[in-house]
Amino acid sequence: YRQAPGKQRELVARITSGGRTNYADSVKGR
């Protein structure tokens, strides 16, 4: 997760025990 100044904490990335990944649209590809 990340929390920028003046903003709520947001989910950035997730990886399951099986290796499946998910990303926020703002960071996908980077």
Full PDB file with SEQRES, HELIX, SHEET, SSBOND, CRYST1, ORIGX, SCALE, CONECT and MASTER records, all heavy atoms in Angstrom:
SEQRES   1 A   30  TYR ARG GLN ALA PRO GLY LYS GLN ARG GLU LEU VAL ALA          
SEQRES   2 A   30  ARG ILE THR SER GLY GLY ARG THR ASN TYR ALA ASP SER          
SEQRES   3 A   30  VAL LYS GLY ARG                                              
SHEET    1 AA1 2 ALA A  13  ILE A  15  0                                        
SHEET    2 AA1 2 THR A  21  TYR A  23 -1                                        
CRYST1    1.000    1.000    1.000  90.00  90.00  90.00 P 1           1          
ORIGX1      1.000000  0.000000  0.000000        0.00000                         
ORIGX2      0.000000  1.000000  0.000000        0.00000                         
ORIGX3      0.000000  0.000000  1.000000        0.00000                         
SCALE1      1.000000  0.000000  0.000000        0.00000                         
SCALE2      0.000000  1.000000  0.000000        0.00000                         
SCALE3      0.000000  0.000000  1.000000        0.00000                         
ATOM      1  N   TYR A   1       0.842  -1.180   0.000  1.00  0.00           N  
ATOM      2  CA  TYR A   1       0.000   0.000   0.000  1.00  0.00           C  
ATOM      3  C   TYR A   1       0.884   1.239   0.000  1.00  0.00           C  
ATOM      4  O   TYR A   1       2.083   1.167   0.289  1.00  0.00           O  
ATOM      5  CB  TYR A   1      -0.889   0.049   1.247  1.00  0.00           C  
ATOM      6  CG  TYR A   1      -2.012  -0.972   1.299  1.00  0.00           C  
ATOM      7  CD1 TYR A   1      -1.753  -2.311   1.562  1.00  0.00           C  
ATOM      8  CD2 TYR A   1      -3.336  -0.580   1.114  1.00  0.00           C  
ATOM      9  CE1 TYR A   1      -2.780  -3.239   1.633  1.00  0.00           C  
ATOM     10  CE2 TYR A   1      -4.370  -1.503   1.182  1.00  0.00           C  
ATOM     11  CZ  TYR A   1      -4.087  -2.829   1.445  1.00  0.00           C  
ATOM     12  OH  TYR A   1      -5.110  -3.743   1.517  1.00  0.00           O  
ATOM     13  N   ARG A   2       0.289   2.404  -0.294  1.00  0.00           N  
ATOM     14  CA  ARG A   2       1.006   3.659  -0.156  1.00  0.00           C  
ATOM     15  C   ARG A   2       0.052   4.752   0.308  1.00  0.00           C  
ATOM     16  O   ARG A   2      -1.157   4.679   0.079  1.00  0.00           O  
ATOM     17  CB  ARG A   2       1.692   4.073  -1.456  1.00  0.00           C  
ATOM     18  CG  ARG A   2       0.739   4.460  -2.583  1.00  0.00           C  
ATOM     19  CD  ARG A   2       1.521   4.738  -3.858  1.00  0.00           C  
ATOM     20  NE  ARG A   2       0.650   5.131  -4.952  1.00  0.00           N  
ATOM     21  CZ  ARG A   2       1.060   5.290  -6.209  1.00  0.00           C  
ATOM     22  NH1 ARG A   2       2.340   5.088  -6.528  1.00  0.00           N  
ATOM     23  NH2 ARG A   2       0.192   5.661  -7.151  1.00  0.00           N  
ATOM     24  N   GLN A   3       0.614   5.758   0.965  1.00  0.00           N  
ATOM     25  CA  GLN A   3      -0.158   6.912   1.407  1.00  0.00           C  
ATOM     26  C   GLN A   3       0.614   8.176   1.046  1.00  0.00           C  
ATOM     27  O   GLN A   3       1.690   8.425   1.582  1.00  0.00           O  
ATOM     28  CB  GLN A   3      -0.436   6.868   2.911  1.00  0.00           C  
ATOM     29  CG  GLN A   3      -1.384   7.959   3.377  1.00  0.00           C  
ATOM     30  CD  GLN A   3      -1.908   7.715   4.775  1.00  0.00           C  
ATOM     31  OE1 GLN A   3      -1.256   7.061   5.592  1.00  0.00           O  
ATOM     32  NE2 GLN A   3      -3.089   8.234   5.058  1.00  0.00           N  
ATOM     33  N   ALA A   4       0.052   8.958   0.122  1.00  0.00           N  
ATOM     34  CA  ALA A   4       0.639  10.213  -0.320  1.00  0.00           C  
ATOM     35  C   ALA A   4       0.115  11.348   0.556  1.00  0.00           C  
ATOM     36  O   ALA A   4      -0.936  11.219   1.193  1.00  0.00           O  
ATOM     37  CB  ALA A   4       0.301  10.468  -1.781  1.00  0.00           C  
ATOM     38  N   PRO A   5       0.828  12.488   0.589  1.00  0.00           N  
ATOM     39  CA  PRO A   5       0.369  13.624   1.403  1.00  0.00           C  
ATOM     40  C   PRO A   5      -1.058  14.040   1.052  1.00  0.00           C  
ATOM     41  O   PRO A   5      -1.390  14.234  -0.121  1.00  0.00           O  
ATOM     42  CB  PRO A   5       1.369  14.727   1.047  1.00  0.00           C  
ATOM     43  CG  PRO A   5       2.602  14.000   0.637  1.00  0.00           C  
ATOM     44  CD  PRO A   5       2.108  12.769  -0.078  1.00  0.00           C  
ATOM     45  N   GLY A   6      -1.907  14.166   2.063  1.00  0.00           N  
ATOM     46  CA  GLY A   6      -3.274  14.602   1.869  1.00  0.00           C  
ATOM     47  C   GLY A   6      -4.208  13.577   1.258  1.00  0.00           C  
ATOM     48  O   GLY A   6      -5.355  13.918   0.929  1.00  0.00           O  
ATOM     49  N   LYS A   7      -3.765  12.333   1.096  1.00  0.00           N  
ATOM     50  CA  LYS A   7      -4.583  11.298   0.479  1.00  0.00           C  
ATOM     51  C   LYS A   7      -4.717  10.090   1.403  1.00  0.00           C  
ATOM     52  O   LYS A   7      -3.927   9.903   2.318  1.00  0.00           O  
ATOM     53  CB  LYS A   7      -3.988  10.857  -0.856  1.00  0.00           C  
ATOM     54  CG  LYS A   7      -3.884  11.953  -1.895  1.00  0.00           C  
ATOM     55  CD  LYS A   7      -3.340  11.432  -3.212  1.00  0.00           C  
ATOM     56  CE  LYS A   7      -4.311  10.482  -3.888  1.00  0.00           C  
ATOM     57  NZ  LYS A   7      -3.823  10.017  -5.207  1.00  0.00           N  
ATOM     58  N   GLN A   8      -5.738   9.278   1.152  1.00  0.00           N  
ATOM     59  CA  GLN A   8      -5.936   8.047   1.909  1.00  0.00           C  
ATOM     60  C   GLN A   8      -4.960   6.977   1.449  1.00  0.00           C  
ATOM     61  O   GLN A   8      -4.461   7.008   0.324  1.00  0.00           O  
ATOM     62  CB  GLN A   8      -7.371   7.539   1.748  1.00  0.00           C  
ATOM     63  CG  GLN A   8      -8.430   8.384   2.428  1.00  0.00           C  
ATOM     64  CD  GLN A   8      -9.793   7.735   2.367  1.00  0.00           C  
ATOM     65  OE1 GLN A   8     -10.317   7.480   1.283  1.00  0.00           O  
ATOM     66  NE2 GLN A   8     -10.365   7.462   3.525  1.00  0.00           N  
ATOM     67  N   ARG A   9      -4.696   6.017   2.317  1.00  0.00           N  
ATOM     68  CA  ARG A   9      -3.850   4.885   1.966  1.00  0.00           C  
ATOM     69  C   ARG A   9      -4.556   4.052   0.893  1.00  0.00           C  
ATOM     70  O   ARG A   9      -5.746   3.771   0.994  1.00  0.00           O  
ATOM     71  CB  ARG A   9      -3.565   4.052   3.219  1.00  0.00           C  
ATOM     72  CG  ARG A   9      -2.540   2.962   3.028  1.00  0.00           C  
ATOM     73  CD  ARG A   9      -1.675   2.768   4.261  1.00  0.00           C  
ATOM     74  NE  ARG A   9      -2.420   2.802   5.506  1.00  0.00           N  
ATOM     75  CZ  ARG A   9      -1.868   2.916   6.711  1.00  0.00           C  
ATOM     76  NH1 ARG A   9      -0.544   3.031   6.821  1.00  0.00           N  
ATOM     77  NH2 ARG A   9      -2.608   2.939   7.791  1.00  0.00           N  
ATOM     78  N   GLU A  10      -3.806   3.651  -0.137  1.00  0.00           N  
ATOM     79  CA  GLU A  10      -4.379   2.914  -1.249  1.00  0.00           C  
ATOM     80  C   GLU A  10      -3.593   1.644  -1.534  1.00  0.00           C  
ATOM     81  O   GLU A  10      -2.381   1.586  -1.344  1.00  0.00           O  
ATOM     82  CB  GLU A  10      -4.431   3.777  -2.514  1.00  0.00           C  
ATOM     83  CG  GLU A  10      -3.067   4.181  -3.044  1.00  0.00           C  
ATOM     84  CD  GLU A  10      -3.123   4.896  -4.383  1.00  0.00           C  
ATOM     85  OE1 GLU A  10      -4.116   4.728  -5.115  1.00  0.00           O  
ATOM     86  OE2 GLU A  10      -2.164   5.629  -4.695  1.00  0.00           O  
ATOM     87  N   LEU A  11      -4.287   0.629  -2.021  1.00  0.00           N  
ATOM     88  CA  LEU A  11      -3.657  -0.622  -2.422  1.00  0.00           C  
ATOM     89  C   LEU A  11      -2.897  -0.424  -3.722  1.00  0.00           C  
ATOM     90  O   LEU A  11      -3.451   0.078  -4.702  1.00  0.00           O  
ATOM     91  CB  LEU A  11      -4.714  -1.714  -2.590  1.00  0.00           C  
ATOM     92  CG  LEU A  11      -4.224  -3.079  -3.072  1.00  0.00           C  
ATOM     93  CD1 LEU A  11      -3.302  -3.718  -2.031  1.00  0.00           C  
ATOM     94  CD2 LEU A  11      -5.402  -3.996  -3.364  1.00  0.00           C  
ATOM     95  N   VAL A  12      -1.628  -0.833  -3.745  1.00  0.00           N  
ATOM     96  CA  VAL A  12      -0.771  -0.684  -4.914  1.00  0.00           C  
ATOM     97  C   VAL A  12      -0.596  -2.008  -5.644  1.00  0.00           C  
ATOM     98  O   VAL A  12      -0.697  -2.064  -6.872  1.00  0.00           O  
ATOM     99  CB  VAL A  12       0.610  -0.115  -4.517  1.00  0.00           C  
ATOM    100  CG1 VAL A  12       1.560  -0.100  -5.713  1.00  0.00           C  
ATOM    101  CG2 VAL A  12       0.454   1.280  -3.939  1.00  0.00           C  
ATOM    102  N   ALA A  13      -0.311  -3.083  -4.901  1.00  0.00           N  
ATOM    103  CA  ALA A  13      -0.034  -4.375  -5.515  1.00  0.00           C  
ATOM    104  C   ALA A  13      -0.344  -5.495  -4.540  1.00  0.00           C  
ATOM    105  O   ALA A  13      -0.288  -5.316  -3.329  1.00  0.00           O  
ATOM    106  CB  ALA A  13       1.426  -4.461  -5.971  1.00  0.00           C  
ATOM    107  N   ARG A  14      -0.639  -6.673  -5.084  1.00  0.00           N  
ATOM    108  CA  ARG A  14      -0.997  -7.838  -4.278  1.00  0.00           C  
ATOM    109  C   ARG A  14      -0.473  -9.085  -4.975  1.00  0.00           C  
ATOM    110  O   ARG A  14      -0.547  -9.193  -6.203  1.00  0.00           O  
ATOM    111  CB  ARG A  14      -2.519  -7.913  -4.113  1.00  0.00           C  
ATOM    112  CG  ARG A  14      -3.067  -9.107  -3.353  1.00  0.00           C  
ATOM    113  CD  ARG A  14      -4.583  -8.960  -3.207  1.00  0.00           C  
ATOM    114  NE  ARG A  14      -5.193 -10.057  -2.471  1.00  0.00           N  
ATOM    115  CZ  ARG A  14      -5.706 -11.147  -3.032  1.00  0.00           C  
ATOM    116  NH1 ARG A  14      -5.685 -11.293  -4.350  1.00  0.00           N  
ATOM    117  NH2 ARG A  14      -6.249 -12.090  -2.277  1.00  0.00           N  
ATOM    118  N   ILE A  15       0.063 -10.029  -4.198  1.00  0.00           N  
ATOM    119  CA  ILE A  15       0.497 -11.306  -4.740  1.00  0.00           C  
ATOM    120  C   ILE A  15      -0.021 -12.413  -3.836  1.00  0.00           C  
ATOM    121  O   ILE A  15       0.186 -12.399  -2.624  1.00  0.00           O  
ATOM    122  CB  ILE A  15       2.034 -11.376  -4.915  1.00  0.00           C  
ATOM    123  CG1 ILE A  15       2.437 -12.700  -5.570  1.00  0.00           C  
ATOM    124  CG2 ILE A  15       2.762 -11.159  -3.601  1.00  0.00           C  
ATOM    125  CD1 ILE A  15       3.880 -12.718  -6.062  1.00  0.00           C  
ATOM    126  N   THR A  16      -0.719 -13.389  -4.411  1.00  0.00           N  
ATOM    127  CA  THR A  16      -1.290 -14.488  -3.642  1.00  0.00           C  
ATOM    128  C   THR A  16      -0.251 -15.569  -3.394  1.00  0.00           C  
ATOM    129  O   THR A  16       0.826 -15.578  -3.988  1.00  0.00           O  
ATOM    130  CB  THR A  16      -2.489 -15.102  -4.364  1.00  0.00           C  
ATOM    131  OG1 THR A  16      -2.034 -15.802  -5.532  1.00  0.00           O  
ATOM    132  CG2 THR A  16      -3.499 -14.040  -4.769  1.00  0.00           C  
ATOM    133  N   SER A  17      -0.583 -16.505  -2.504  1.00  0.00           N  
ATOM    134  CA  SER A  17       0.323 -17.616  -2.230  1.00  0.00           C  
ATOM    135  C   SER A  17       0.562 -18.466  -3.471  1.00  0.00           C  
ATOM    136  O   SER A  17       1.593 -19.132  -3.572  1.00  0.00           O  
ATOM    137  CB  SER A  17      -0.232 -18.485  -1.099  1.00  0.00           C  
ATOM    138  OG  SER A  17      -1.492 -19.035  -1.442  1.00  0.00           O  
ATOM    139  N   GLY A  18      -0.368 -18.440  -4.420  1.00  0.00           N  
ATOM    140  CA  GLY A  18      -0.215 -19.158  -5.669  1.00  0.00           C  
ATOM    141  C   GLY A  18       0.497 -18.381  -6.756  1.00  0.00           C  
ATOM    142  O   GLY A  18       0.692 -18.913  -7.856  1.00  0.00           O  
ATOM    143  N   GLY A  19       0.879 -17.124  -6.477  1.00  0.00           N  
ATOM    144  CA  GLY A  19       1.649 -16.332  -7.420  1.00  0.00           C  
ATOM    145  C   GLY A  19       0.841 -15.413  -8.312  1.00  0.00           C  
ATOM    146  O   GLY A  19       1.406 -14.735  -9.177  1.00  0.00           O  
ATOM    147  N   ARG A  20      -0.462 -15.357  -8.130  1.00  0.00           N  
ATOM    148  CA  ARG A  20      -1.287 -14.446  -8.927  1.00  0.00           C  
ATOM    149  C   ARG A  20      -1.093 -13.018  -8.434  1.00  0.00           C  
ATOM    150  O   ARG A  20      -1.050 -12.760  -7.235  1.00  0.00           O  
ATOM    151  CB  ARG A  20      -2.753 -14.844  -8.839  1.00  0.00           C  
ATOM    152  CG  ARG A  20      -3.661 -14.076  -9.790  1.00  0.00           C  
ATOM    153  CD  ARG A  20      -5.077 -14.618  -9.784  1.00  0.00           C  
ATOM    154  NE  ARG A  20      -5.767 -14.318  -8.532  1.00  0.00           N  
ATOM    155  CZ  ARG A  20      -6.043 -15.210  -7.592  1.00  0.00           C  
ATOM    156  NH1 ARG A  20      -5.693 -16.482  -7.758  1.00  0.00           N  
ATOM    157  NH2 ARG A  20      -6.685 -14.842  -6.494  1.00  0.00           N  
ATOM    158  N   THR A  21      -0.982 -12.051  -9.359  1.00  0.00           N  
ATOM    159  CA  THR A  21      -0.713 -10.661  -9.007  1.00  0.00           C  
ATOM    160  C   THR A  21      -1.823  -9.727  -9.465  1.00  0.00           C  
ATOM    161  O   THR A  21      -2.529 -10.001 -10.441  1.00  0.00           O  
ATOM    162  CB  THR A  21       0.615 -10.182  -9.606  1.00  0.00           C  
ATOM    163  OG1 THR A  21       0.577 -10.318 -11.032  1.00  0.00           O  
ATOM    164  CG2 THR A  21       1.773 -10.991  -9.046  1.00  0.00           C  
ATOM    165  N   ASN A  22      -1.971  -8.611  -8.748  1.00  0.00           N  
ATOM    166  CA  ASN A  22      -2.893  -7.543  -9.097  1.00  0.00           C  
ATOM    167  C   ASN A  22      -2.212  -6.212  -8.825  1.00  0.00           C  
ATOM    168  O   ASN A  22      -1.425  -6.097  -7.888  1.00  0.00           O  
ATOM    169  CB  ASN A  22      -4.185  -7.625  -8.280  1.00  0.00           C  
ATOM    170  CG  ASN A  22      -4.939  -8.916  -8.479  1.00  0.00           C  
ATOM    171  OD1 ASN A  22      -4.778  -9.864  -7.719  1.00  0.00           O  
ATOM    172  ND2 ASN A  22      -5.760  -8.962  -9.518  1.00  0.00           N  
ATOM    173  N   TYR A  23      -2.533  -5.196  -9.641  1.00  0.00           N  
ATOM    174  CA  TYR A  23      -1.928  -3.880  -9.510  1.00  0.00           C  
ATOM    175  C   TYR A  23      -2.974  -2.792  -9.654  1.00  0.00           C  
ATOM    176  O   TYR A  23      -3.957  -2.942 -10.386  1.00  0.00           O  
ATOM    177  CB  TYR A  23      -0.859  -3.659 -10.577  1.00  0.00           C  
ATOM    178  CG  TYR A  23       0.283  -4.635 -10.513  1.00  0.00           C  
ATOM    179  CD1 TYR A  23       0.263  -5.799 -11.268  1.00  0.00           C  
ATOM    180  CD2 TYR A  23       1.382  -4.387  -9.698  1.00  0.00           C  
ATOM    181  CE1 TYR A  23       1.313  -6.704 -11.209  1.00  0.00           C  
ATOM    182  CE2 TYR A  23       2.433  -5.288  -9.635  1.00  0.00           C  
ATOM    183  CZ  TYR A  23       2.396  -6.446 -10.388  1.00  0.00           C  
ATOM    184  OH  TYR A  23       3.442  -7.339 -10.329  1.00  0.00           O  
ATOM    185  N   ALA A  24      -2.740  -1.676  -8.960  1.00  0.00           N  
ATOM    186  CA  ALA A  24      -3.542  -0.492  -9.201  1.00  0.00           C  
ATOM    187  C   ALA A  24      -3.304   0.003 -10.624  1.00  0.00           C  
ATOM    188  O   ALA A  24      -2.197  -0.111 -11.155  1.00  0.00           O  
ATOM    189  CB  ALA A  24      -3.184   0.602  -8.196  1.00  0.00           C  
ATOM    190  N   ASP A  25      -4.338   0.557 -11.243  1.00  0.00           N  
ATOM    191  CA  ASP A  25      -4.205   1.043 -12.614  1.00  0.00           C  
ATOM    192  C   ASP A  25      -3.084   2.069 -12.763  1.00  0.00           C  
ATOM    193  O   ASP A  25      -2.416   2.120 -13.798  1.00  0.00           O  
ATOM    194  CB  ASP A  25      -5.517   1.651 -13.091  1.00  0.00           C  
ATOM    195  CG  ASP A  25      -6.595   0.617 -13.354  1.00  0.00           C  
ATOM    196  OD1 ASP A  25      -6.266  -0.574 -13.492  1.00  0.00           O  
ATOM    197  OD2 ASP A  25      -7.778   1.006 -13.428  1.00  0.00           O  
ATOM    198  N   SER A  26      -2.856   2.871 -11.729  1.00  0.00           N  
ATOM    199  CA  SER A  26      -1.874   3.937 -11.799  1.00  0.00           C  
ATOM    200  C   SER A  26      -0.434   3.436 -11.865  1.00  0.00           C  
ATOM    201  O   SER A  26       0.457   4.189 -12.261  1.00  0.00           O  
ATOM    202  CB  SER A  26      -2.029   4.878 -10.601  1.00  0.00           C  
ATOM    203  OG  SER A  26      -1.872   4.175  -9.386  1.00  0.00           O  
ATOM    204  N   VAL A  27      -0.185   2.180 -11.479  1.00  0.00           N  
ATOM    205  CA  VAL A  27       1.178   1.645 -11.475  1.00  0.00           C  
ATOM    206  C   VAL A  27       1.352   0.463 -12.414  1.00  0.00           C  
ATOM    207  O   VAL A  27       2.484  -0.010 -12.597  1.00  0.00           O  
ATOM    208  CB  VAL A  27       1.627   1.236 -10.056  1.00  0.00           C  
ATOM    209  CG1 VAL A  27       1.408   2.371  -9.077  1.00  0.00           C  
ATOM    210  CG2 VAL A  27       0.899  -0.020  -9.590  1.00  0.00           C  
ATOM    211  N   LYS A  28       0.284  -0.011 -13.022  1.00  0.00           N  
ATOM    212  CA  LYS A  28       0.348  -1.180 -13.891  1.00  0.00           C  
ATOM    213  C   LYS A  28       1.317  -0.937 -15.042  1.00  0.00           C  
ATOM    214  O   LYS A  28       1.271   0.099 -15.704  1.00  0.00           O  
ATOM    215  CB  LYS A  28      -1.044  -1.517 -14.415  1.00  0.00           C  
ATOM    216  CG  LYS A  28      -1.169  -2.894 -15.041  1.00  0.00           C  
ATOM    217  CD  LYS A  28      -2.631  -3.234 -15.327  1.00  0.00           C  
ATOM    218  CE  LYS A  28      -3.435  -3.337 -14.040  1.00  0.00           C  
ATOM    219  NZ  LYS A  28      -4.852  -3.717 -14.286  1.00  0.00           N  
ATOM    220  N   GLY A  29       2.205  -1.895 -15.268  1.00  0.00           N  
ATOM    221  CA  GLY A  29       3.216  -1.772 -16.306  1.00  0.00           C  
ATOM    222  C   GLY A  29       4.506  -1.140 -15.843  1.00  0.00           C  
ATOM    223  O   GLY A  29       5.511  -1.213 -16.562  1.00  0.00           O  
ATOM    224  N   ARG A  30       4.505  -0.515 -14.661  1.00  0.00           N  
ATOM    225  CA  ARG A  30       5.698   0.122 -14.116  1.00  0.00           C  
ATOM    226  C   ARG A  30       6.219  -0.576 -12.860  1.00  0.00           C  
ATOM    227  O   ARG A  30       7.427  -0.606 -12.629  1.00  0.00           O  
ATOM    228  CB  ARG A  30       5.420   1.586 -13.780  1.00  0.00           C  
ATOM    229  CG  ARG A  30       4.998   2.425 -14.984  1.00  0.00           C  
ATOM    230  CD  ARG A  30       4.927   3.913 -14.627  1.00  0.00           C  
ATOM    231  NE  ARG A  30       3.914   4.183 -13.616  1.00  0.00           N  
ATOM    232  CZ  ARG A  30       4.169   4.716 -12.424  1.00  0.00           C  
ATOM    233  NH1 ARG A  30       5.415   5.053 -12.092  1.00  0.00           N  
ATOM    234  NH2 ARG A  30       3.180   4.932 -11.562  1.00  0.00           N  
TER     235      ARG A  30                                                      
MASTER        0    0    0    0    2    0    0    6  234    1    0    3          
END                                                                             
